[in-house]
Amino acid sequence: MRWQALGIRTPVRLAAVAMACFGLLAGDVWAQQNQGNQNQGGGGNRPNQGGNNQGGNNQNNQNNQNNQGGGGSAGVIVDAQGVLHRNMVSDPSGMLRRQQVAAAQATLPRELSRPSDLRKVSLTRLEKAISDNGGVLTDEMRYLAGLQRLRYVFLYPESRDIVIAGPAEGWAPEADGRMTGLRSGRPVLQLQDMVVALRAFPPDQTKTPMVGCSIDPTPEGLASMQRFLRSTGRTATPAQTQYLANGLRTSLGMQTVRVDGIPADTRFAQVLVEADYRMKLIGIGLELPQVRGLTTFVESASPAQMSRNALARWFFVPDYECVRTSDDGMAMELVGDGVKVVDEQEVVSSSGTRSVSGSGNRASTIFTTSFTRVYPQLAAVSPVYAELRNLVDMLVAAAYIQREDMYHKTGWEMTVLGSEAAFPVRLYNAPTQVESAVNAIWKGSTLMTPIGGGVQIEAEMALKPENIQADDGKVAGLRASTEVNLADGQWWWD
């Protein structure tokens, strides 16, 4: 072990980082001995970087191999018992992806395969096409003609069309099965996700105040963790690293996954949970995306700023200042990147209960701020973040369609897409639990344990007057210049 090579035999300052994916940071202070060796972790460098991290021998070190880049696709799977697991699919040479791209180029129609700056999809005509096809979906329908971002919503009451539009291109599966663009590698929109969003804001004006997820440590688990921390005393040696990390994971136990506002057994829900889970892995240094400018929590955490029971929650929220609308309400544009990460401070009691704290945590804020700043780059290398952004866009678009009464103005009752019997989307194992993940980092005198976070999307907030951006006529002009002159059975066009 590295510390043995350094000749460290006496107790040193230890920081272990445990993650159970719900944005919690718990602290415990250990004895401060061997001051000259207090930063054996090289000042908090990420694991597996030149061997400078004394926590590189932790039991989750294998997760550090699952960084983005290098021919691997990271993701999650949910087993039949509802337990969430990390999933790594290897394509080291890129051969599988090249074969999939070649196959797609050979089979996709040329008009679908070529990139388009603005592809239009009529939702009303698409539903009719599905009905006319006996409810059988083509890939063209399933992947919304290759749309990669939902940039615009246009209403055409005279032809009874509700149109979504954005950039598009042909698609092919990644090694993990995720459908991404042939050239850009960005994920394509999926009809099943759009349907979940529309059902959250349906024609009957039912509203869904919040869509989201969280991964919660149980009060029993938190109380057990506190008991374990008390039992370890205030002094630790490097030889205890594995014991401490295992003890944290075992005492915390399984975390409860909760999905709000939409059915948990949908792909939409799985993307929310995966994005949240993997964001926390990044925060504690267990997933290392190849993105410049991202500062993890463990890189900047200062033990001096952590109290014994300090907590920090990290969660995704939309950037609600993302909507530009025409004066007549018949056109909307979604602008910006749509998603940011925020933090919230809490404290945990010995019984495992949590309460909001007024004090902040600098390392937590640095992490969430940097994650938000580099979100576009993260979305480029980790498609799940691009998919999360797409889900936010879909919900905001669906809320706008409902608010502007586009269903009534087009006479669209959504009889097929609105019916689970006619168009099933609840086809997945619902995530209910995930095991705690633990990273052990030699840094300072505090035992820091990020345990939580979530995703919170309140789509209607984006439509409040203070969040609407003024249209200088371009959005309305784009709608007016888009002709809806389609052949029978046609539902998309460039």
Protein backbone atom coordinates (compact mmCIF):
# COMPACT_ATOMS: atom_id res chain seq x y z
CA MET A 1 0.00 0.00 0.00
CA ARG A 2 1.17 3.52 -0.74
CA TRP A 3 1.12 4.64 2.92
CA GLN A 4 3.33 1.72 3.87
CA ALA A 5 5.84 2.79 1.25
CA LEU A 6 5.77 6.23 2.81
CA GLY A 7 6.46 4.70 6.20
CA ILE A 8 3.29 6.02 7.85
CA ARG A 9 2.58 3.88 10.88
CA THR A 10 0.93 6.23 13.36
CA PRO A 11 -2.69 7.37 13.16
CA VAL A 12 -3.28 10.09 10.56
CA ARG A 13 -6.17 12.30 9.55
CA LEU A 14 -8.67 10.41 7.46
CA ALA A 15 -11.61 11.47 5.35
CA ALA A 16 -13.88 8.80 3.96
CA VAL A 17 -16.58 9.73 1.51
CA ALA A 18 -19.73 7.61 1.30
CA MET A 19 -22.48 8.08 -1.25
CA ALA A 20 -25.95 6.66 -1.19
CA CYS A 21 -27.18 9.00 -3.89
CA PHE A 22 -29.39 11.40 -2.08
CA GLY A 23 -27.13 14.44 -1.66
CA LEU A 24 -26.17 14.17 1.99
CA LEU A 25 -22.83 15.11 3.43
CA ALA A 26 -22.29 13.85 6.93
CA GLY A 27 -19.17 14.75 8.87
CA ASP A 28 -17.25 13.21 11.73
CA VAL A 29 -14.00 14.57 13.17
CA TRP A 30 -11.07 12.24 13.71
CA ALA A 31 -7.93 12.66 15.82
CA GLN A 32 -5.40 15.01 14.24
CA GLN A 33 -2.03 13.32 14.48
CA ASN A 34 0.97 13.34 12.15
CA GLN A 35 0.18 16.86 10.98
CA GLY A 36 2.87 16.70 8.34
CA ASN A 37 1.00 13.89 6.60
CA GLN A 38 -2.50 15.29 6.87
CA ASN A 39 -2.88 15.62 3.10
CA GLN A 40 -1.47 12.33 1.92
CA GLY A 41 -4.15 12.41 -0.75
CA GLY A 42 -2.23 15.06 -2.66
CA GLY A 43 -4.59 17.85 -1.68
CA GLY A 44 -7.72 15.99 -2.70
CA ASN A 45 -6.85 14.84 -6.20
CA ARG A 46 -9.31 12.56 -7.93
CA PRO A 47 -8.77 8.82 -7.43
CA ASN A 48 -6.66 6.93 -9.96
CA GLN A 49 -4.63 9.91 -11.03
CA GLY A 50 -0.98 9.05 -10.75
CA GLY A 51 -1.45 7.09 -7.54
CA ASN A 52 -1.44 10.27 -5.43
CA ASN A 53 -4.68 9.49 -3.67
CA GLN A 54 -4.28 7.47 -0.51
CA GLY A 55 -7.89 6.38 -0.79
CA GLY A 56 -7.23 4.69 -4.10
CA ASN A 57 -7.52 1.28 -2.46
CA ASN A 58 -11.16 1.68 -1.44
CA GLN A 59 -13.68 -1.02 -2.18
CA ASN A 60 -15.35 1.04 -4.88
CA ASN A 61 -12.12 1.78 -6.68
CA GLN A 62 -13.34 -0.38 -9.54
CA ASN A 63 -16.01 2.23 -10.18
CA ASN A 64 -13.25 4.67 -11.08
CA GLN A 65 -12.58 2.60 -14.16
CA ASN A 66 -16.09 3.48 -15.30
CA ASN A 67 -15.28 7.01 -16.33
CA GLN A 68 -16.57 8.51 -19.51
CA GLY A 69 -14.34 8.04 -22.50
CA GLY A 70 -12.01 5.24 -23.41
CA GLY A 71 -14.57 3.11 -25.20
CA GLY A 72 -17.07 2.48 -22.42
CA SER A 73 -20.70 3.41 -21.89
CA ALA A 74 -21.85 3.86 -18.31
CA GLY A 75 -25.46 3.57 -17.28
CA VAL A 76 -27.78 1.88 -14.84
CA ILE A 77 -30.06 -1.12 -14.86
CA VAL A 78 -32.96 -1.95 -12.57
CA ASP A 79 -33.47 -5.61 -11.70
CA ALA A 80 -36.78 -7.38 -11.16
CA GLN A 81 -36.61 -6.57 -7.43
CA GLY A 82 -36.37 -2.86 -8.18
CA VAL A 83 -32.71 -2.54 -7.14
CA LEU A 84 -30.66 -0.04 -9.13
CA HIS A 85 -27.22 -1.18 -10.32
CA ARG A 86 -24.47 0.48 -12.29
CA ASN A 87 -23.94 -0.98 -15.74
CA MET A 88 -20.79 -0.65 -17.80
CA VAL A 89 -20.77 -1.79 -21.41
CA SER A 90 -17.34 -1.93 -23.02
CA ASP A 91 -16.58 -1.08 -26.63
CA PRO A 92 -12.85 -0.32 -26.31
CA SER A 93 -12.10 -0.10 -30.01
CA GLY A 94 -15.37 1.57 -30.98
CA MET A 95 -15.93 -1.25 -33.47
CA LEU A 96 -19.46 -2.02 -32.27
CA ARG A 97 -20.53 1.61 -32.62
CA ARG A 98 -19.02 1.86 -36.11
CA GLN A 99 -20.90 -1.27 -37.15
CA GLN A 100 -24.17 0.12 -35.76
CA VAL A 101 -23.64 3.43 -37.57
CA ALA A 102 -22.87 1.65 -40.84
CA ALA A 103 -26.00 -0.49 -40.49
CA ALA A 104 -28.15 2.56 -39.77
CA GLN A 105 -26.76 4.47 -42.74
CA ALA A 106 -27.57 1.51 -44.97
CA THR A 107 -31.15 1.13 -43.75
CA LEU A 108 -32.43 4.58 -42.77
CA PRO A 109 -34.15 6.55 -45.52
CA ARG A 110 -31.85 9.29 -46.81
CA GLU A 111 -34.23 12.08 -45.78
CA LEU A 112 -34.21 10.75 -42.20
CA SER A 113 -30.48 10.12 -42.07
CA ARG A 114 -29.28 13.54 -43.14
CA PRO A 115 -28.92 16.26 -40.48
CA SER A 116 -31.56 18.97 -40.27
CA ASP A 117 -31.31 22.26 -38.39
CA LEU A 118 -35.07 22.36 -37.92
CA ARG A 119 -37.16 19.23 -38.29
CA LYS A 120 -40.87 19.58 -37.55
CA VAL A 121 -43.10 16.90 -36.02
CA SER A 122 -46.87 17.29 -35.85
CA LEU A 123 -48.00 15.51 -32.70
CA THR A 124 -51.60 15.39 -33.85
CA ARG A 125 -50.71 13.83 -37.21
CA LEU A 126 -48.27 11.43 -35.56
CA GLU A 127 -51.03 10.07 -33.33
CA LYS A 128 -53.27 9.57 -36.36
CA ALA A 129 -50.45 7.80 -38.21
CA ILE A 130 -49.99 5.44 -35.26
CA SER A 131 -53.72 4.74 -35.19
CA ASP A 132 -53.80 4.16 -38.95
CA ASN A 133 -50.91 1.71 -38.55
CA GLY A 134 -52.90 -0.35 -36.07
CA GLY A 135 -50.96 0.97 -33.11
CA VAL A 136 -47.72 -0.52 -34.41
CA LEU A 137 -44.74 1.83 -34.06
CA THR A 138 -42.03 2.23 -36.64
CA ASP A 139 -38.57 3.38 -35.53
CA GLU A 140 -39.33 6.65 -37.29
CA MET A 141 -42.25 7.14 -34.89
CA ARG A 142 -40.47 5.71 -31.86
CA TYR A 143 -37.58 8.17 -32.18
CA LEU A 144 -39.60 11.18 -33.36
CA ALA A 145 -37.89 11.30 -36.76
CA GLY A 146 -34.50 11.81 -35.12
CA LEU A 147 -35.24 14.99 -33.14
CA GLN A 148 -32.41 15.72 -30.70
CA ARG A 149 -33.70 18.83 -28.96
CA LEU A 150 -37.19 20.20 -28.53
CA ARG A 151 -36.57 23.85 -29.39
CA TYR A 152 -39.98 25.07 -30.54
CA VAL A 153 -43.70 24.52 -30.13
CA PHE A 154 -45.96 25.88 -32.88
CA LEU A 155 -49.76 25.93 -32.97
CA TYR A 156 -51.68 25.85 -36.28
CA PRO A 157 -55.38 25.88 -35.33
CA GLU A 158 -56.54 26.13 -38.96
CA SER A 159 -54.95 22.75 -39.82
CA ARG A 160 -55.29 21.38 -36.27
CA ASP A 161 -51.59 20.83 -35.80
CA ILE A 162 -49.50 21.04 -32.65
CA VAL A 163 -45.91 20.97 -33.87
CA ILE A 164 -42.65 20.44 -32.00
CA ALA A 165 -39.41 21.27 -33.80
CA GLY A 166 -35.66 21.18 -33.36
CA PRO A 167 -32.40 19.83 -34.77
CA ALA A 168 -32.40 16.23 -35.97
CA GLU A 169 -30.34 13.56 -37.69
CA GLY A 170 -30.23 9.82 -38.23
CA TRP A 171 -29.61 7.57 -35.25
CA ALA A 172 -27.97 4.32 -34.19
CA PRO A 173 -27.63 2.49 -30.86
CA GLU A 174 -24.64 2.90 -28.59
CA ALA A 175 -23.07 -0.16 -26.97
CA ASP A 176 -25.51 0.19 -24.06
CA GLY A 177 -28.52 0.46 -26.40
CA ARG A 178 -29.02 4.22 -26.02
CA MET A 179 -30.05 5.76 -29.35
CA THR A 180 -27.78 8.62 -30.42
CA GLY A 181 -27.13 10.68 -33.53
CA LEU A 182 -25.00 9.20 -36.30
CA ARG A 183 -22.70 12.22 -36.42
CA SER A 184 -23.18 14.18 -33.22
CA GLY A 185 -23.58 11.30 -30.76
CA ARG A 186 -26.36 13.23 -29.01
CA PRO A 187 -29.36 11.17 -27.87
CA VAL A 188 -32.56 11.38 -29.86
CA LEU A 189 -35.93 12.21 -28.34
CA GLN A 190 -38.19 9.24 -27.71
CA LEU A 191 -41.94 9.25 -28.22
CA GLN A 192 -42.55 7.29 -25.02
CA ASP A 193 -40.90 10.10 -23.00
CA MET A 194 -42.92 12.77 -24.81
CA VAL A 195 -46.08 10.82 -24.02
CA VAL A 196 -45.20 10.75 -20.30
CA ALA A 197 -44.74 14.53 -20.40
CA LEU A 198 -48.03 15.10 -22.24
CA ARG A 199 -49.90 12.87 -19.79
CA ALA A 200 -48.51 15.03 -16.96
CA PHE A 201 -50.29 18.00 -18.61
CA PRO A 202 -53.25 16.39 -20.44
CA PRO A 203 -56.24 17.85 -22.32
CA ASP A 204 -58.49 17.74 -19.23
CA GLN A 205 -56.30 20.46 -17.63
CA THR A 206 -55.08 18.19 -14.84
CA LYS A 207 -51.76 19.60 -13.68
CA THR A 208 -48.69 17.92 -12.27
CA PRO A 209 -47.07 20.42 -9.88
CA MET A 210 -43.74 18.60 -9.67
CA VAL A 211 -42.00 15.78 -11.48
CA GLY A 212 -38.86 14.38 -9.94
CA CYS A 213 -37.05 11.73 -8.00
CA SER A 214 -34.98 11.33 -4.89
CA ILE A 215 -32.89 8.58 -3.39
CA ASP A 216 -33.36 8.71 0.36
CA PRO A 217 -31.34 7.14 3.13
CA THR A 218 -33.76 5.73 5.66
CA PRO A 219 -33.87 7.25 9.16
CA GLU A 220 -32.84 3.83 10.45
CA GLY A 221 -29.85 3.80 8.12
CA LEU A 222 -28.76 7.29 9.14
CA ALA A 223 -29.12 6.43 12.83
CA SER A 224 -27.11 3.25 12.26
CA MET A 225 -24.43 5.28 10.48
CA GLN A 226 -24.24 7.70 13.41
CA ARG A 227 -23.84 4.81 15.83
CA PHE A 228 -21.09 3.34 13.69
CA LEU A 229 -19.25 6.66 13.56
CA ARG A 230 -19.46 7.01 17.34
CA SER A 231 -18.15 3.47 17.80
CA THR A 232 -15.04 4.12 15.73
CA GLY A 233 -13.66 6.74 18.10
CA ARG A 234 -11.63 9.76 17.10
CA THR A 235 -8.44 8.08 15.85
CA ALA A 236 -7.92 6.05 12.70
CA THR A 237 -4.98 4.44 10.95
CA PRO A 238 -4.56 3.83 7.22
CA ALA A 239 -5.02 0.11 7.84
CA GLN A 240 -8.60 0.84 8.94
CA THR A 241 -9.63 2.43 5.63
CA GLN A 242 -11.35 -0.66 4.27
CA TYR A 243 -13.05 -1.36 7.60
CA LEU A 244 -14.38 2.19 7.83
CA ALA A 245 -15.62 2.26 4.24
CA ASN A 246 -17.31 -1.12 4.60
CA GLY A 247 -18.82 -0.07 7.91
CA LEU A 248 -20.30 3.07 6.40
CA ARG A 249 -21.84 1.18 3.50
CA THR A 250 -23.23 -1.55 5.73
CA SER A 251 -24.61 0.79 8.38
CA LEU A 252 -26.32 3.01 5.82
CA GLY A 253 -27.84 -0.01 4.10
CA MET A 254 -30.11 0.26 1.09
CA GLN A 255 -31.54 3.63 0.08
CA THR A 256 -35.14 4.16 -0.98
CA VAL A 257 -35.75 5.43 -4.52
CA ARG A 258 -38.84 7.61 -4.91
CA VAL A 259 -40.30 8.95 -8.17
CA ASP A 260 -42.83 11.80 -8.05
CA GLY A 261 -45.39 13.06 -10.55
CA ILE A 262 -45.01 10.33 -13.16
CA PRO A 263 -45.17 6.51 -13.10
CA ALA A 264 -41.95 5.01 -11.75
CA ASP A 265 -42.07 2.13 -14.24
CA THR A 266 -41.35 4.32 -17.28
CA ARG A 267 -38.15 5.08 -19.18
CA PHE A 268 -38.70 8.74 -18.25
CA ALA A 269 -38.37 7.84 -14.56
CA GLN A 270 -35.29 5.70 -15.15
CA VAL A 271 -33.49 8.57 -16.87
CA LEU A 272 -34.27 10.89 -13.93
CA VAL A 273 -32.90 8.39 -11.44
CA GLU A 274 -29.83 7.54 -13.50
CA ALA A 275 -28.89 11.20 -13.96
CA ASP A 276 -29.25 11.85 -10.23
CA TYR A 277 -27.33 8.73 -9.20
CA ARG A 278 -24.43 9.35 -11.54
CA MET A 279 -24.19 13.03 -10.63
CA LYS A 280 -23.56 11.96 -7.03
CA LEU A 281 -20.91 9.46 -8.15
CA ILE A 282 -19.14 12.33 -9.90
CA GLY A 283 -19.40 14.49 -6.80
CA ILE A 284 -17.56 12.00 -4.62
CA GLY A 285 -15.04 10.98 -7.26
CA LEU A 286 -16.38 7.57 -8.24
CA GLU A 287 -17.17 8.54 -11.83
CA LEU A 288 -14.72 10.72 -13.70
CA PRO A 289 -16.07 12.27 -16.90
CA GLN A 290 -13.43 13.66 -19.24
CA VAL A 291 -14.55 17.28 -18.92
CA ARG A 292 -12.35 20.29 -18.20
CA GLY A 293 -13.49 22.75 -15.56
CA LEU A 294 -15.43 20.30 -13.39
CA THR A 295 -14.46 20.40 -9.71
CA THR A 296 -15.75 17.51 -7.63
CA PHE A 297 -16.77 17.84 -4.02
CA VAL A 298 -13.87 15.71 -2.81
CA GLU A 299 -11.37 17.91 -4.64
CA SER A 300 -12.36 21.08 -2.82
CA ALA A 301 -13.75 19.79 0.48
CA SER A 302 -12.14 21.40 3.50
CA PRO A 303 -12.41 19.40 6.74
CA ALA A 304 -12.25 22.63 8.73
CA GLN A 305 -15.58 23.71 7.24
CA MET A 306 -17.44 20.50 8.13
CA SER A 307 -19.20 19.83 11.40
CA ARG A 308 -19.91 16.32 12.68
CA ASN A 309 -23.46 16.23 11.41
CA ALA A 310 -23.22 18.52 8.39
CA LEU A 311 -25.32 17.51 5.40
CA ALA A 312 -25.51 18.77 1.84
CA ARG A 313 -28.14 17.78 -0.70
CA TRP A 314 -27.35 18.04 -4.40
CA PHE A 315 -30.21 18.03 -6.87
CA PHE A 316 -31.10 18.98 -10.44
CA VAL A 317 -33.58 21.75 -11.17
CA PRO A 318 -34.53 23.38 -14.47
CA ASP A 319 -33.18 26.77 -15.44
CA TYR A 320 -36.64 28.27 -15.49
CA GLU A 321 -35.65 31.38 -17.47
CA CYS A 322 -35.74 29.26 -20.60
CA VAL A 323 -38.89 30.26 -22.50
CA ARG A 324 -39.50 32.83 -25.24
CA THR A 325 -43.07 33.16 -26.55
CA SER A 326 -44.88 35.03 -29.29
CA ASP A 327 -47.47 37.63 -28.33
CA ASP A 328 -50.35 35.48 -29.59
CA GLY A 329 -49.15 32.39 -27.69
CA MET A 330 -48.98 30.27 -30.84
CA ALA A 331 -45.20 29.91 -30.80
CA MET A 332 -42.70 29.12 -28.07
CA GLU A 333 -38.93 28.73 -28.08
CA LEU A 334 -36.89 26.96 -25.42
CA VAL A 335 -33.51 28.64 -24.95
CA GLY A 336 -30.37 27.82 -22.98
CA ASP A 337 -29.21 24.54 -21.52
CA GLY A 338 -32.26 24.02 -19.34
CA VAL A 339 -30.71 22.32 -16.29
CA LYS A 340 -28.64 23.33 -13.29
CA VAL A 341 -27.47 21.67 -10.08
CA VAL A 342 -28.10 23.31 -6.72
CA ASP A 343 -27.28 22.39 -3.15
CA GLU A 344 -29.02 22.63 0.19
CA GLN A 345 -27.53 22.26 3.65
CA GLU A 346 -29.05 20.05 6.33
CA VAL A 347 -28.10 18.47 9.65
CA VAL A 348 -28.77 14.93 10.82
CA SER A 349 -29.58 14.00 14.40
CA SER A 350 -28.51 10.88 16.26
CA SER A 351 -31.95 9.41 15.54
CA GLY A 352 -31.44 9.83 11.80
CA THR A 353 -33.85 12.74 11.24
CA ARG A 354 -32.83 15.59 8.94
CA SER A 355 -33.52 19.33 9.11
CA VAL A 356 -32.53 22.31 6.97
CA SER A 357 -29.48 24.22 8.17
CA GLY A 358 -28.76 27.86 7.48
CA SER A 359 -25.03 27.30 7.16
CA GLY A 360 -23.43 26.69 3.79
CA ASN A 361 -20.67 24.42 2.55
CA ARG A 362 -18.11 25.90 0.19
CA ALA A 363 -17.03 22.62 -1.40
CA SER A 364 -20.63 21.65 -2.09
CA THR A 365 -21.33 24.99 -3.75
CA ILE A 366 -18.14 24.78 -5.82
CA PHE A 367 -19.16 21.35 -7.07
CA THR A 368 -22.74 22.28 -7.99
CA THR A 369 -21.66 25.55 -9.61
CA SER A 370 -18.97 23.89 -11.70
CA PHE A 371 -21.33 21.04 -12.67
CA THR A 372 -23.85 23.59 -13.93
CA ARG A 373 -21.18 25.57 -15.77
CA VAL A 374 -19.89 22.56 -17.71
CA TYR A 375 -23.30 20.92 -18.16
CA PRO A 376 -23.19 21.21 -21.99
CA GLN A 377 -19.82 19.45 -22.07
CA LEU A 378 -21.06 16.77 -19.67
CA ALA A 379 -24.11 16.23 -21.86
CA ALA A 380 -21.77 15.72 -24.82
CA VAL A 381 -19.74 12.95 -23.15
CA SER A 382 -22.44 11.42 -20.92
CA PRO A 383 -25.69 11.16 -22.92
CA VAL A 384 -27.85 10.73 -19.80
CA TYR A 385 -27.42 14.44 -19.04
CA ALA A 386 -28.53 15.37 -22.55
CA GLU A 387 -31.52 13.08 -22.02
CA LEU A 388 -32.33 14.77 -18.70
CA ARG A 389 -32.27 18.13 -20.47
CA ASN A 390 -34.60 16.73 -23.12
CA LEU A 391 -37.04 15.54 -20.44
CA VAL A 392 -37.11 19.01 -18.89
CA ASP A 393 -37.77 20.50 -22.34
CA MET A 394 -40.60 18.03 -22.92
CA LEU A 395 -42.29 18.86 -19.62
CA VAL A 396 -42.05 22.61 -20.19
CA ALA A 397 -43.40 22.17 -23.73
CA ALA A 398 -46.28 20.00 -22.47
CA ALA A 399 -47.13 22.55 -19.78
CA TYR A 400 -47.15 25.27 -22.45
CA ILE A 401 -49.40 23.23 -24.75
CA GLN A 402 -51.85 22.85 -21.89
CA ARG A 403 -51.64 26.45 -20.69
CA GLU A 404 -52.32 27.85 -24.17
CA ASP A 405 -55.26 25.42 -24.51
CA MET A 406 -53.78 23.97 -27.69
CA TYR A 407 -55.64 20.72 -27.12
CA HIS A 408 -59.00 22.50 -27.36
CA LYS A 409 -57.92 24.79 -30.20
CA THR A 410 -56.97 21.80 -32.35
CA GLY A 411 -59.65 19.43 -31.08
CA TRP A 412 -56.95 17.00 -29.99
CA GLU A 413 -58.24 14.65 -27.29
CA MET A 414 -55.09 12.49 -27.30
CA THR A 415 -57.21 9.35 -27.39
CA VAL A 416 -54.31 7.08 -28.40
CA LEU A 417 -51.25 8.66 -26.80
CA GLY A 418 -53.19 9.51 -23.67
CA SER A 419 -54.30 5.92 -23.07
CA GLU A 420 -52.02 3.40 -21.38
CA ALA A 421 -54.13 0.62 -22.88
CA ALA A 422 -53.72 1.98 -26.41
CA PHE A 423 -50.15 3.22 -26.02
CA PRO A 424 -48.32 1.55 -23.11
CA VAL A 425 -45.26 3.27 -21.66
CA ARG A 426 -45.17 1.59 -18.24
CA LEU A 427 -42.90 -1.19 -19.42
CA TYR A 428 -39.89 -1.00 -17.12
CA ASN A 429 -38.90 -2.25 -13.69
CA ALA A 430 -39.62 0.55 -11.22
CA PRO A 431 -36.48 1.53 -9.26
CA THR A 432 -37.11 1.23 -5.53
CA GLN A 433 -33.69 0.75 -3.89
CA VAL A 434 -29.99 1.35 -4.39
CA GLU A 435 -27.01 0.30 -2.32
CA SER A 436 -24.77 2.91 -0.72
CA ALA A 437 -21.53 3.58 -2.57
CA VAL A 438 -18.46 4.52 -0.57
CA ASN A 439 -15.22 6.22 -1.49
CA ALA A 440 -12.34 6.63 0.99
CA ILE A 441 -10.17 9.69 0.53
CA TRP A 442 -7.16 10.64 2.65
CA LYS A 443 -7.74 14.31 3.29
CA GLY A 444 -7.99 16.25 6.52
CA SER A 445 -9.73 15.27 9.73
CA THR A 446 -13.35 14.96 8.66
CA LEU A 447 -15.33 11.93 7.62
CA MET A 448 -17.52 13.33 4.83
CA THR A 449 -20.40 11.22 3.55
CA PRO A 450 -22.45 12.51 0.60
CA ILE A 451 -25.66 10.51 0.71
CA GLY A 452 -28.26 12.24 -1.36
CA GLY A 453 -29.93 14.58 -3.86
CA GLY A 454 -32.66 14.30 -6.42
CA VAL A 455 -34.36 15.89 -9.39
CA GLN A 456 -37.13 18.48 -9.04
CA ILE A 457 -38.92 19.77 -12.14
CA GLU A 458 -41.75 22.25 -11.70
CA ALA A 459 -42.47 22.84 -15.37
CA GLU A 460 -45.10 25.54 -14.89
CA MET A 461 -42.58 27.77 -13.12
CA ALA A 462 -40.92 28.31 -16.50
CA LEU A 463 -44.19 29.81 -17.76
CA LYS A 464 -44.56 32.44 -15.04
CA PRO A 465 -44.46 36.01 -16.42
CA GLU A 466 -41.17 36.80 -14.68
CA ASN A 467 -39.49 33.86 -16.43
CA ILE A 468 -40.83 34.50 -19.94
CA GLN A 469 -38.35 36.20 -22.26
CA ALA A 470 -39.61 38.78 -24.72
CA ASP A 471 -39.88 37.76 -28.38
CA ASP A 472 -38.47 40.24 -30.87
CA GLY A 473 -40.63 38.71 -33.57
CA LYS A 474 -38.26 35.90 -34.58
CA VAL A 475 -40.23 33.11 -32.91
CA ALA A 476 -43.53 34.29 -34.38
CA GLY A 477 -41.82 34.78 -37.74
CA LEU A 478 -40.41 31.27 -37.72
CA ARG A 479 -43.84 29.84 -37.06
CA ALA A 480 -45.38 31.92 -39.84
CA SER A 481 -42.71 30.82 -42.32
CA THR A 482 -43.22 27.14 -41.51
CA GLU A 483 -45.77 25.76 -43.94
CA VAL A 484 -47.95 22.84 -42.94
CA ASN A 485 -48.69 21.44 -46.37
CA LEU A 486 -48.30 17.72 -45.88
CA ALA A 487 -49.31 14.67 -47.83
CA ASP A 488 -51.83 12.26 -46.38
CA GLY A 489 -50.11 10.20 -43.68
CA GLN A 490 -47.10 12.53 -43.44
CA TRP A 491 -46.35 13.82 -39.94
CA TRP A 492 -42.79 15.21 -40.07
CA TRP A 493 -40.88 17.43 -42.47
CA ASP A 494 -37.74 19.59 -42.76
